[in-house]
Amino acid sequence: MASIDELREASQRRGSLRQTLGAVLWSFFGVRKGRAHDQDMAQLNPVHVVVVGVAAGVFFVVGLVTLVTVITS
């Protein structure tokens, strides 16, 4: 279980939107080097990663539904 100090430190991280988006997209693809993962864990704000991950997931599902609707119509 994470301590309060660890949670505060994690929420103070300031990774860029580009870094966060890149980490999330590589995670969706399923390919990530260990060193890059460790750097992301040290730099990125976990809240930002969750928000970008959920938004990317919604965008992916909406894109698939739209693609299927266009193909089947």
C-alpha atoms as a PDB file:
ATOM      1  CA  MET A   1       0.000   0.000   0.000  1.00  0.00           C
ATOM      2  CA  ALA A   2       1.341   3.434  -0.935  1.00  0.00           C
ATOM      3  CA  SER A   3       1.945   5.968   1.777  1.00  0.00           C
ATOM      4  CA  ILE A   4       0.504   9.481   1.766  1.00  0.00           C
ATOM      5  CA  ASP A   5       3.931  10.937   0.922  1.00  0.00           C
ATOM      6  CA  GLU A   6       4.274   8.627  -2.086  1.00  0.00           C
ATOM      7  CA  LEU A   7       0.837   9.640  -3.354  1.00  0.00           C
ATOM      8  CA  ARG A   8       1.637  13.339  -2.960  1.00  0.00           C
ATOM      9  CA  GLU A   9       4.947  12.903  -4.777  1.00  0.00           C
ATOM     10  CA  ALA A  10       3.262  11.020  -7.627  1.00  0.00           C
ATOM     11  CA  SER A  11       0.631  13.723  -8.089  1.00  0.00           C
ATOM     12  CA  GLN A  12       3.335  16.410  -8.344  1.00  0.00           C
ATOM     13  CA  ARG A  13       5.008  14.828 -11.398  1.00  0.00           C
ATOM     14  CA  ARG A  14       4.960  16.980 -14.508  1.00  0.00           C
ATOM     15  CA  GLY A  15       5.258  14.881 -17.656  1.00  0.00           C
ATOM     16  CA  SER A  16       4.213  16.501 -20.911  1.00  0.00           C
ATOM     17  CA  LEU A  17       0.994  15.641 -22.707  1.00  0.00           C
ATOM     18  CA  ARG A  18       3.081  14.203 -25.541  1.00  0.00           C
ATOM     19  CA  GLN A  19       4.945  11.889 -23.148  1.00  0.00           C
ATOM     20  CA  THR A  20       1.681  10.767 -21.539  1.00  0.00           C
ATOM     21  CA  LEU A  21      -0.022  10.161 -24.876  1.00  0.00           C
ATOM     22  CA  GLY A  22       3.004   8.257 -26.162  1.00  0.00           C
ATOM     23  CA  ALA A  23       3.115   6.028 -23.087  1.00  0.00           C
ATOM     24  CA  VAL A  24      -0.608   5.273 -23.325  1.00  0.00           C
ATOM     25  CA  LEU A  25      -0.504   4.531 -27.058  1.00  0.00           C
ATOM     26  CA  TRP A  26       2.521   2.248 -26.690  1.00  0.00           C
ATOM     27  CA  SER A  27       0.658   0.478 -23.901  1.00  0.00           C
ATOM     28  CA  PHE A  28      -2.369  -0.017 -26.153  1.00  0.00           C
ATOM     29  CA  PHE A  29      -0.055  -1.464 -28.806  1.00  0.00           C
ATOM     30  CA  GLY A  30       1.533  -3.732 -26.218  1.00  0.00           C
ATOM     31  CA  VAL A  31       5.172  -2.882 -26.902  1.00  0.00           C
ATOM     32  CA  ARG A  32       7.231  -1.037 -24.329  1.00  0.00           C
ATOM     33  CA  LYS A  33      10.884  -1.209 -23.339  1.00  0.00           C
ATOM     34  CA  GLY A  34      11.646  -1.654 -19.659  1.00  0.00           C
ATOM     35  CA  ARG A  35      13.815   1.455 -19.429  1.00  0.00           C
ATOM     36  CA  ALA A  36      11.158   3.624 -21.108  1.00  0.00           C
ATOM     37  CA  HIS A  37       8.545   2.242 -18.706  1.00  0.00           C
ATOM     38  CA  ASP A  38      10.744   3.092 -15.733  1.00  0.00           C
ATOM     39  CA  GLN A  39      11.251   6.649 -17.024  1.00  0.00           C
ATOM     40  CA  ASP A  40       7.501   7.051 -17.497  1.00  0.00           C
ATOM     41  CA  MET A  41       6.845   5.835 -13.959  1.00  0.00           C
ATOM     42  CA  ALA A  42       9.267   8.454 -12.643  1.00  0.00           C
ATOM     43  CA  GLN A  43       8.036  11.375 -14.768  1.00  0.00           C
ATOM     44  CA  LEU A  44       4.343  11.000 -15.548  1.00  0.00           C
ATOM     45  CA  ASN A  45       1.456  11.936 -13.301  1.00  0.00           C
ATOM     46  CA  PRO A  46      -0.705   8.835 -12.742  1.00  0.00           C
ATOM     47  CA  VAL A  47      -3.918  10.867 -12.872  1.00  0.00           C
ATOM     48  CA  HIS A  48      -2.984  12.194 -16.320  1.00  0.00           C
ATOM     49  CA  VAL A  49      -2.192   8.671 -17.527  1.00  0.00           C
ATOM     50  CA  VAL A  50      -5.605   7.403 -16.385  1.00  0.00           C
ATOM     51  CA  VAL A  51      -7.469  10.328 -17.999  1.00  0.00           C
ATOM     52  CA  VAL A  52      -5.604   9.971 -21.301  1.00  0.00           C
ATOM     53  CA  GLY A  53      -6.059   6.187 -21.200  1.00  0.00           C
ATOM     54  CA  VAL A  54      -9.814   6.429 -20.718  1.00  0.00           C
ATOM     55  CA  ALA A  55     -10.106   9.082 -23.448  1.00  0.00           C
ATOM     56  CA  ALA A  56      -8.033   6.956 -25.853  1.00  0.00           C
ATOM     57  CA  GLY A  57     -10.181   3.912 -25.058  1.00  0.00           C
ATOM     58  CA  VAL A  58     -13.400   5.823 -25.727  1.00  0.00           C
ATOM     59  CA  PHE A  59     -11.962   7.228 -28.966  1.00  0.00           C
ATOM     60  CA  PHE A  60     -10.924   3.719 -30.059  1.00  0.00           C
ATOM     61  CA  VAL A  61     -14.366   2.213 -29.376  1.00  0.00           C
ATOM     62  CA  VAL A  62     -16.205   5.090 -31.079  1.00  0.00           C
ATOM     63  CA  GLY A  63     -13.864   4.769 -34.053  1.00  0.00           C
ATOM     64  CA  LEU A  64     -14.527   1.037 -34.344  1.00  0.00           C
ATOM     65  CA  VAL A  65     -18.294   1.492 -34.078  1.00  0.00           C
ATOM     66  CA  THR A  66     -18.178   4.231 -36.717  1.00  0.00           C
ATOM     67  CA  LEU A  67     -16.045   2.081 -39.024  1.00  0.00           C
ATOM     68  CA  VAL A  68     -18.387  -0.898 -38.695  1.00  0.00           C
ATOM     69  CA  THR A  69     -21.445   1.317 -39.264  1.00  0.00           C
ATOM     70  CA  VAL A  70     -19.926   2.791 -42.443  1.00  0.00           C
ATOM     71  CA  ILE A  71     -18.882  -0.608 -43.789  1.00  0.00           C
ATOM     72  CA  THR A  72     -22.212  -2.291 -43.116  1.00  0.00           C
ATOM     73  CA  SER A  73     -24.385   0.495 -44.519  1.00  0.00           C
END
